[in-house]
PDB file of N, CA and C in Angstrom:
ATOM      1  N   MET A   1      97.250  54.517 165.397  1.00  0.00           N
ATOM      2  CA  MET A   1      97.970  54.562 166.333  1.00  0.00           C
ATOM      3  C   MET A   1      97.420  53.780 167.522  1.00  0.00           C
ATOM      4  N   ASN A   2      98.646  52.607 168.106  1.00  0.00           N
ATOM      5  CA  ASN A   2      97.663  51.700 169.676  1.00  0.00           C
ATOM      6  C   ASN A   2      98.152  52.606 170.991  1.00  0.00           C
ATOM      7  N   ALA A   3      98.348  51.899 171.543  1.00  0.00           N
ATOM      8  CA  ALA A   3      98.181  51.999 173.246  1.00  0.00           C
ATOM      9  C   ALA A   3      99.905  52.584 173.040  1.00  0.00           C
ATOM     10  N   VAL A   4     100.661  51.229 172.665  1.00  0.00           N
ATOM     11  CA  VAL A   4     102.234  51.228 172.590  1.00  0.00           C
ATOM     12  C   VAL A   4     102.460  51.477 172.224  1.00  0.00           C
ATOM     13  N   GLU A   5     102.316  52.049 170.570  1.00  0.00           N
ATOM     14  CA  GLU A   5     103.089  53.299 170.124  1.00  0.00           C
ATOM     15  C   GLU A   5     102.873  54.488 171.074  1.00  0.00           C
ATOM     16  N   VAL A   6     101.696  55.018 171.699  1.00  0.00           N
ATOM     17  CA  VAL A   6     101.501  55.905 172.870  1.00  0.00           C
ATOM     18  C   VAL A   6     102.507  56.200 173.554  1.00  0.00           C
ATOM     19  N   ILE A   7     102.683  55.133 174.562  1.00  0.00           N
ATOM     20  CA  ILE A   7     103.283  55.150 175.323  1.00  0.00           C
ATOM     21  C   ILE A   7     105.010  55.243 174.876  1.00  0.00           C
ATOM     22  N   SER A   8     105.570  54.735 174.027  1.00  0.00           N
ATOM     23  CA  SER A   8     106.693  55.001 174.070  1.00  0.00           C
ATOM     24  C   SER A   8     106.803  56.551 173.410  1.00  0.00           C
ATOM     25  N   ILE A   9     105.769  56.746 172.771  1.00  0.00           N
ATOM     26  CA  ILE A   9     106.254  58.273 171.844  1.00  0.00           C
ATOM     27  C   ILE A   9     106.055  59.320 173.910  1.00  0.00           C
ATOM     28  N   SER A  10     105.456  58.833 174.664  1.00  0.00           N
ATOM     29  CA  SER A  10     105.457  59.097 176.011  1.00  0.00           C
ATOM     30  C   SER A  10     106.880  59.198 176.096  1.00  0.00           C
ATOM     31  N   ARG A  11     107.397  57.702 176.587  1.00  0.00           N
ATOM     32  CA  ARG A  11     108.097  57.565 177.210  1.00  0.00           C
ATOM     33  C   ARG A  11     109.703  58.014 176.140  1.00  0.00           C
ATOM     34  N   ASP A  12     109.087  58.373 175.112  1.00  0.00           N
ATOM     35  CA  ASP A  12     110.842  58.995 174.553  1.00  0.00           C
ATOM     36  C   ASP A  12     110.621  60.347 175.088  1.00  0.00           C
ATOM     37  N   ALA A  13     109.166  61.067 174.994  1.00  0.00           N
ATOM     38  CA  ALA A  13     108.904  62.615 175.092  1.00  0.00           C
ATOM     39  C   ALA A  13     109.925  63.104 176.724  1.00  0.00           C
ATOM     40  N   ILE A  14     109.259  61.962 177.614  1.00  0.00           N
ATOM     41  CA  ILE A  14     110.220  62.064 178.695  1.00  0.00           C
ATOM     42  C   ILE A  14     111.323  62.192 179.061  1.00  0.00           C
ATOM     43  N   TRP A  15     111.846  61.759 178.678  1.00  0.00           N
ATOM     44  CA  TRP A  15     113.316  60.870 178.476  1.00  0.00           C
ATOM     45  C   TRP A  15     114.194  62.343 178.148  1.00  0.00           C
ATOM     46  N   THR A  16     113.475  62.728 176.663  1.00  0.00           N
ATOM     47  CA  THR A  16     113.949  64.020 176.140  1.00  0.00           C
ATOM     48  C   THR A  16     114.016  65.220 177.005  1.00  0.00           C
ATOM     49  N   LEU A  17     112.628  64.962 177.719  1.00  0.00           N
ATOM     50  CA  LEU A  17     112.578  66.151 178.954  1.00  0.00           C
ATOM     51  C   LEU A  17     113.880  66.005 179.771  1.00  0.00           C
ATOM     52  N   LEU A  18     113.609  65.139 179.814  1.00  0.00           N
ATOM     53  CA  LEU A  18     115.087  64.935 181.581  1.00  0.00           C
ATOM     54  C   LEU A  18     116.318  64.873 180.274  1.00  0.00           C
ATOM     55  N   LYS A  19     117.032  64.596 179.611  1.00  0.00           N
ATOM     56  CA  LYS A  19     118.431  64.929 178.706  1.00  0.00           C
ATOM     57  C   LYS A  19     118.218  66.359 178.603  1.00  0.00           C
ATOM     58  N   VAL A  20     117.272  66.959 178.359  1.00  0.00           N
ATOM     59  CA  VAL A  20     117.213  68.736 178.118  1.00  0.00           C
ATOM     60  C   VAL A  20     117.248  69.212 179.419  1.00  0.00           C
ATOM     61  N   GLY A  21     116.531  69.239 179.805  1.00  0.00           N
ATOM     62  CA  GLY A  21     116.557  70.001 181.035  1.00  0.00           C
ATOM     63  C   GLY A  21     117.150  69.596 182.554  1.00  0.00           C
ATOM     64  N   ALA A  22     118.030  68.444 182.730  1.00  0.00           N
ATOM     65  CA  ALA A  22     118.569  68.292 184.208  1.00  0.00           C
ATOM     66  C   ALA A  22     119.923  68.504 184.282  1.00  0.00           C
ATOM     67  N   PRO A  23     121.064  68.916 183.005  1.00  0.00           N
ATOM     68  CA  PRO A  23     122.329  69.114 182.977  1.00  0.00           C
ATOM     69  C   PRO A  23     122.218  70.877 184.064  1.00  0.00           C
ATOM     70  N   VAL A  24     121.021  71.558 183.680  1.00  0.00           N
ATOM     71  CA  VAL A  24     120.907  73.424 183.421  1.00  0.00           C
ATOM     72  C   VAL A  24     120.457  72.535 185.178  1.00  0.00           C
ATOM     73  N   MET A  25     119.288  71.804 185.853  1.00  0.00           N
ATOM     74  CA  MET A  25     119.310  71.823 186.892  1.00  0.00           C
ATOM     75  C   MET A  25     120.265  71.380 187.589  1.00  0.00           C
ATOM     76  N   LEU A  26     121.191  70.501 187.664  1.00  0.00           N
ATOM     77  CA  LEU A  26     122.035  69.849 188.162  1.00  0.00           C
ATOM     78  C   LEU A  26     123.265  70.649 188.959  1.00  0.00           C
ATOM     79  N   ILE A  27     123.755  71.604 187.758  1.00  0.00           N
ATOM     80  CA  ILE A  27     124.562  73.169 187.142  1.00  0.00           C
ATOM     81  C   ILE A  27     123.182  73.770 188.971  1.00  0.00           C
ATOM     82  N   ALA A  28     122.285  74.563 188.246  1.00  0.00           N
ATOM     83  CA  ALA A  28     121.665  75.265 189.540  1.00  0.00           C
ATOM     84  C   ALA A  28     121.742  74.833 190.723  1.00  0.00           C
ATOM     85  N   LEU A  29     121.375  73.514 191.057  1.00  0.00           N
ATOM     86  CA  LEU A  29     121.504  72.904 192.399  1.00  0.00           C
ATOM     87  C   LEU A  29     123.185  72.577 192.602  1.00  0.00           C
ATOM     88  N   ILE A  30     123.824  72.946 192.498  1.00  0.00           N
ATOM     89  CA  ILE A  30     125.048  73.030 192.936  1.00  0.00           C
ATOM     90  C   ILE A  30     125.905  74.066 192.611  1.00  0.00           C
ATOM     91  N   ILE A  31     125.656  75.005 192.238  1.00  0.00           N
ATOM     92  CA  ILE A  31     125.631  76.668 192.090  1.00  0.00           C
ATOM     93  C   ILE A  31     125.060  77.111 193.352  1.00  0.00           C
ATOM     94  N   GLY A  32     123.355  76.828 193.407  1.00  0.00           N
ATOM     95  CA  GLY A  32     122.096  76.669 195.291  1.00  0.00           C
ATOM     96  C   GLY A  32     123.467  76.310 196.749  1.00  0.00           C
ATOM     97  N   LEU A  33     124.011  74.952 196.665  1.00  0.00           N
ATOM     98  CA  LEU A  33     124.606  74.553 197.666  1.00  0.00           C
ATOM     99  C   LEU A  33     125.554  74.898 198.221  1.00  0.00           C
ATOM    100  N   GLY A  34     126.403  75.483 196.612  1.00  0.00           N
ATOM    101  CA  GLY A  34     127.403  76.073 196.933  1.00  0.00           C
ATOM    102  C   GLY A  34     127.692  77.646 197.692  1.00  0.00           C
ATOM    103  N   VAL A  35     126.247  77.885 197.244  1.00  0.00           N
ATOM    104  CA  VAL A  35     126.537  79.492 197.528  1.00  0.00           C
ATOM    105  C   VAL A  35     126.044  79.941 198.813  1.00  0.00           C
ATOM    106  N   SER A  36     124.780  78.033 198.962  1.00  0.00           N
ATOM    107  CA  SER A  36     124.541  78.526 200.905  1.00  0.00           C
ATOM    108  C   SER A  36     125.360  78.413 201.476  1.00  0.00           C
ATOM    109  N   LEU A  37     126.275  77.267 201.604  1.00  0.00           N
ATOM    110  CA  LEU A  37     127.179  76.795 201.562  1.00  0.00           C
ATOM    111  C   LEU A  37     128.103  77.552 202.252  1.00  0.00           C
ATOM    112  N   PHE A  38     128.849  78.960 201.042  1.00  0.00           N
ATOM    113  CA  PHE A  38     129.485  79.582 201.443  1.00  0.00           C
ATOM    114  C   PHE A  38     128.612  81.029 202.252  1.00  0.00           C
ATOM    115  N   GLN A  39     126.984  80.976 202.328  1.00  0.00           N
ATOM    116  CA  GLN A  39     126.238  82.168 202.660  1.00  0.00           C
ATOM    117  C   GLN A  39     126.799  81.854 204.623  1.00  0.00           C
ATOM    118  N   ALA A  40     126.801  79.824 204.843  1.00  0.00           N
ATOM    119  CA  ALA A  40     126.182  80.050 206.174  1.00  0.00           C
ATOM    120  C   ALA A  40     127.783  79.995 206.759  1.00  0.00           C
ATOM    121  N   LEU A  41     129.153  79.376 206.301  1.00  0.00           N
ATOM    122  CA  LEU A  41     130.897  80.125 206.789  1.00  0.00           C
ATOM    123  C   LEU A  41     130.806  80.913 207.126  1.00  0.00           C
ATOM    124  N   THR A  42     129.667  82.163 206.066  1.00  0.00           N
ATOM    125  CA  THR A  42     130.356  84.047 206.408  1.00  0.00           C
ATOM    126  C   THR A  42     129.356  84.344 206.863  1.00  0.00           C
ATOM    127  N   GLN A  43     128.589  83.683 207.128  1.00  0.00           N
ATOM    128  CA  GLN A  43     127.014  84.376 208.034  1.00  0.00           C
ATOM    129  C   GLN A  43     126.943  85.149 206.832  1.00  0.00           C
ATOM    130  N   ILE A  44     126.954  85.195 206.126  1.00  0.00           N
ATOM    131  CA  ILE A  44     126.469  86.611 204.896  1.00  0.00           C
ATOM    132  C   ILE A  44     125.342  86.202 204.774  1.00  0.00           C
ATOM    133  N   GLN A  45     124.069  87.018 205.363  1.00  0.00           N
ATOM    134  CA  GLN A  45     122.431  86.356 204.323  1.00  0.00           C
ATOM    135  C   GLN A  45     122.387  88.399 203.511  1.00  0.00           C
ATOM    136  N   GLU A  46     122.753  88.090 202.260  1.00  0.00           N
ATOM    137  CA  GLU A  46     122.742  89.288 201.616  1.00  0.00           C
ATOM    138  C   GLU A  46     121.627  87.603 200.857  1.00  0.00           C
ATOM    139  N   MET A  47     120.228  88.483 200.679  1.00  0.00           N
ATOM    140  CA  MET A  47     119.213  87.783 199.625  1.00  0.00           C
ATOM    141  C   MET A  47     119.806  87.890 197.776  1.00  0.00           C
ATOM    142  N   THR A  48     120.021  89.083 197.648  1.00  0.00           N
ATOM    143  CA  THR A  48     120.918  88.833 196.396  1.00  0.00           C
ATOM    144  C   THR A  48     122.061  88.274 195.976  1.00  0.00           C
ATOM    145  N   LEU A  49     122.349  88.107 196.643  1.00  0.00           N
ATOM    146  CA  LEU A  49     123.928  86.879 196.672  1.00  0.00           C
ATOM    147  C   LEU A  49     123.454  85.473 196.523  1.00  0.00           C
ATOM    148  N   ALA A  50     122.296  85.268 196.929  1.00  0.00           N
ATOM    149  CA  ALA A  50     122.266  83.280 196.274  1.00  0.00           C
ATOM    150  C   ALA A  50     121.253  83.650 194.597  1.00  0.00           C
ATOM    151  N   PHE A  51     120.483  84.696 194.520  1.00  0.00           N
ATOM    152  CA  PHE A  51     120.320  84.378 193.652  1.00  0.00           C
ATOM    153  C   PHE A  51     121.703  84.736 191.997  1.00  0.00           C
ATOM    154  N   VAL A  52     121.824  85.905 192.188  1.00  0.00           N
ATOM    155  CA  VAL A  52     122.499  86.591 190.557  1.00  0.00           C
ATOM    156  C   VAL A  52     123.693  85.610 190.647  1.00  0.00           C
ATOM    157  N   PRO A  53     124.320  84.748 191.549  1.00  0.00           N
ATOM    158  CA  PRO A  53     125.690  83.888 190.784  1.00  0.00           C
ATOM    159  C   PRO A  53     124.727  82.882 190.458  1.00  0.00           C
ATOM    160  N   LYS A  54     123.245  81.804 190.158  1.00  0.00           N
ATOM    161  CA  LYS A  54     122.991  81.007 190.370  1.00  0.00           C
ATOM    162  C   LYS A  54     121.788  81.448 188.698  1.00  0.00           C
ATOM    163  N   ILE A  55     121.813  83.024 188.464  1.00  0.00           N
ATOM    164  CA  ILE A  55     121.662  82.990 187.243  1.00  0.00           C
ATOM    165  C   ILE A  55     121.932  83.410 186.157  1.00  0.00           C
ATOM    166  N   ILE A  56     123.508  83.908 186.912  1.00  0.00           N
ATOM    167  CA  ILE A  56     124.486  84.424 185.763  1.00  0.00           C
ATOM    168  C   ILE A  56     124.882  82.819 185.430  1.00  0.00           C
ATOM    169  N   VAL A  57     125.159  81.510 186.194  1.00  0.00           N
ATOM    170  CA  VAL A  57     125.281  80.288 185.718  1.00  0.00           C
ATOM    171  C   VAL A  57     124.926  79.477 185.193  1.00  0.00           C
ATOM    172  N   ILE A  58     123.212  80.048 185.816  1.00  0.00           N
ATOM    173  CA  ILE A  58     122.485  79.221 184.455  1.00  0.00           C
ATOM    174  C   ILE A  58     122.239  79.926 183.125  1.00  0.00           C
ATOM    175  N   PHE A  59     122.575  81.188 182.838  1.00  0.00           N
ATOM    176  CA  PHE A  59     122.707  81.939 181.890  1.00  0.00           C
ATOM    177  C   PHE A  59     123.858  81.091 180.902  1.00  0.00           C
ATOM    178  N   VAL A  60     124.343  81.278 181.439  1.00  0.00           N
ATOM    179  CA  VAL A  60     126.323  80.537 181.045  1.00  0.00           C
ATOM    180  C   VAL A  60     125.989  79.126 180.394  1.00  0.00           C
ATOM    181  N   SER A  61     125.381  78.372 181.270  1.00  0.00           N
ATOM    182  CA  SER A  61     125.643  77.016 180.777  1.00  0.00           C
ATOM    183  C   SER A  61     124.569  76.731 179.909  1.00  0.00           C
ATOM    184  N   VAL A  62     123.210  77.334 179.963  1.00  0.00           N
ATOM    185  CA  VAL A  62     122.588  77.451 179.142  1.00  0.00           C
ATOM    186  C   VAL A  62     122.802  77.144 177.878  1.00  0.00           C
ATOM    187  N   LEU A  63     122.986  78.454 177.416  1.00  0.00           N
ATOM    188  CA  LEU A  63     124.355  78.884 176.276  1.00  0.00           C
ATOM    189  C   LEU A  63     125.579  77.796 175.712  1.00  0.00           C
ATOM    190  N   VAL A  64     126.292  76.806 176.214  1.00  0.00           N
ATOM    191  CA  VAL A  64     127.141  75.932 176.693  1.00  0.00           C
ATOM    192  C   VAL A  64     126.186  75.119 175.497  1.00  0.00           C
ATOM    193  N   LEU A  65     125.300  74.585 176.431  1.00  0.00           N
ATOM    194  CA  LEU A  65     124.593  73.438 176.102  1.00  0.00           C
ATOM    195  C   LEU A  65     123.525  73.300 175.293  1.00  0.00           C
ATOM    196  N   LEU A  66     123.565  75.325 174.464  1.00  0.00           N
ATOM    197  CA  LEU A  66     122.171  74.840 173.820  1.00  0.00           C
ATOM    198  C   LEU A  66     122.655  74.087 172.204  1.00  0.00           C
ATOM    199  N   PRO A  67     123.889  73.648 172.298  1.00  0.00           N
ATOM    200  CA  PRO A  67     124.070  73.175 170.979  1.00  0.00           C
ATOM    201  C   PRO A  67     123.650  71.493 171.182  1.00  0.00           C
ATOM    202  N   PHE A  68     123.610  71.136 172.595  1.00  0.00           N
ATOM    203  CA  PHE A  68     123.240  69.559 172.846  1.00  0.00           C
ATOM    204  C   PHE A  68     121.747  69.675 173.505  1.00  0.00           C
ATOM    205  N   MET A  69     121.328  70.588 173.881  1.00  0.00           N
ATOM    206  CA  MET A  69     119.891  70.475 173.327  1.00  0.00           C
ATOM    207  C   MET A  69     119.158  70.417 172.501  1.00  0.00           C
ATOM    208  N   LEU A  70     119.208  71.375 171.524  1.00  0.00           N
ATOM    209  CA  LEU A  70     118.592  71.667 170.882  1.00  0.00           C
ATOM    210  C   LEU A  70     118.954  70.397 169.421  1.00  0.00           C
ATOM    211  N   ALA A  71     119.709  69.436 169.670  1.00  0.00           N
ATOM    212  CA  ALA A  71     120.097  67.864 168.769  1.00  0.00           C
ATOM    213  C   ALA A  71     119.134  67.155 169.097  1.00  0.00           C
ATOM    214  N   SER A  72     119.258  66.813 170.357  1.00  0.00           N
ATOM    215  CA  SER A  72     118.171  66.154 171.087  1.00  0.00           C
ATOM    216  C   SER A  72     116.834  66.323 170.832  1.00  0.00           C
ATOM    217  N   LEU A  73     116.575  67.902 171.199  1.00  0.00           N
ATOM    218  CA  LEU A  73     114.896  68.198 170.975  1.00  0.00           C
ATOM    219  C   LEU A  73     114.895  68.124 168.903  1.00  0.00           C
ATOM    220  N   ASN A  74     115.924  68.159 168.108  1.00  0.00           N
ATOM    221  CA  ASN A  74     116.054  68.068 166.954  1.00  0.00           C
ATOM    222  C   ASN A  74     115.575  66.369 166.559  1.00  0.00           C
ATOM    223  N   GLY A  75     116.084  65.306 167.235  1.00  0.00           N
ATOM    224  CA  GLY A  75     115.818  63.819 167.128  1.00  0.00           C
ATOM    225  C   GLY A  75     115.053  63.991 167.414  1.00  0.00           C
ATOM    226  N   PHE A  76     114.322  64.681 168.167  1.00  0.00           N
ATOM    227  CA  PHE A  76     113.467  63.511 169.171  1.00  0.00           C
ATOM    228  C   PHE A  76     112.200  64.036 167.798  1.00  0.00           C
ATOM    229  N   MET A  77     112.516  65.290 167.509  1.00  0.00           N
ATOM    230  CA  MET A  77     111.390  65.793 166.309  1.00  0.00           C
ATOM    231  C   MET A  77     111.503  64.933 165.448  1.00  0.00           C
ATOM    232  N   GLU A  78     112.303  65.222 164.653  1.00  0.00           N
ATOM    233  CA  GLU A  78     112.478  63.977 163.288  1.00  0.00           C
ATOM    234  C   GLU A  78     112.000  62.022 163.527  1.00  0.00           C
ATOM    235  N   GLN A  79     112.328  62.037 165.528  1.00  0.00           N
ATOM    236  CA  GLN A  79     111.500  60.315 165.401  1.00  0.00           C
ATOM    237  C   GLN A  79     109.940  60.316 165.334  1.00  0.00           C
ATOM    238  N   ILE A  80     109.726  61.554 165.808  1.00  0.00           N
ATOM    239  CA  ILE A  80     107.980  61.614 165.880  1.00  0.00           C
ATOM    240  C   ILE A  80     107.358  61.685 164.467  1.00  0.00           C
ATOM    241  N   VAL A  81     108.344  63.072 163.187  1.00  0.00           N
ATOM    242  CA  VAL A  81     107.715  62.936 162.318  1.00  0.00           C
ATOM    243  C   VAL A  81     108.099  61.788 161.063  1.00  0.00           C
ATOM    244  N   ASP A  82     108.660  61.088 162.194  1.00  0.00           N
ATOM    245  CA  ASP A  82     108.820  59.349 160.712  1.00  0.00           C
ATOM    246  C   ASP A  82     108.386  58.333 161.378  1.00  0.00           C
ATOM    247  N   LYS A  83     107.303  59.078 162.815  1.00  0.00           N
ATOM    248  CA  LYS A  83     106.250  58.141 163.040  1.00  0.00           C
ATOM    249  C   LYS A  83     104.741  59.007 162.279  1.00  0.00           C
ATOM    250  N   ILE A  84     104.471  59.658 162.354  1.00  0.00           N
ATOM    251  CA  ILE A  84     103.606  60.563 161.475  1.00  0.00           C
ATOM    252  C   ILE A  84     103.505  60.113 159.979  1.00  0.00           C
ATOM    253  N   VAL A  85     105.211  60.694 159.521  1.00  0.00           N
ATOM    254  CA  VAL A  85     105.100  59.900 157.637  1.00  0.00           C
ATOM    255  C   VAL A  85     104.812  58.700 157.849  1.00  0.00           C
ATOM    256  N   ALA A  86     104.914  57.573 159.129  1.00  0.00           N
ATOM    257  CA  ALA A  86     104.900  55.924 158.772  1.00  0.00           C
ATOM    258  C   ALA A  86     103.185  55.784 158.126  1.00  0.00           C
ATOM    259  N   LEU A  87     101.994  56.450 159.471  1.00  0.00           N
ATOM    260  CA  LEU A  87     100.926  56.577 159.376  1.00  0.00           C
ATOM    261  C   LEU A  87     100.030  55.963 158.530  1.00  0.00           C
ATOM    262  N   GLY A  88     100.841  57.940 157.862  1.00  0.00           N
ATOM    263  CA  GLY A  88     100.126  57.805 156.971  1.00  0.00           C
ATOM    264  C   GLY A  88     100.037  57.392 155.410  1.00  0.00           C
TER     265      GLY A  88
END
């Protein structure tokens, strides 16, 4: 295995990481901004109000996006296994 193959695998791993993690993080960001805006407009400074909606929405988004995440990870794993088999 040479440096070009290692860089290619690393680039694919980073891209897969971004594809799997970014949707949930963006959803959490949007919900966090919405809750912060709501707190600023109503002047309610309850700490649990900032965490509970985010936790619930992140949990639901992970459940909804789980098939996509598993398909992305499975595709990456198949790619890695094919490269391992090609070396052997």
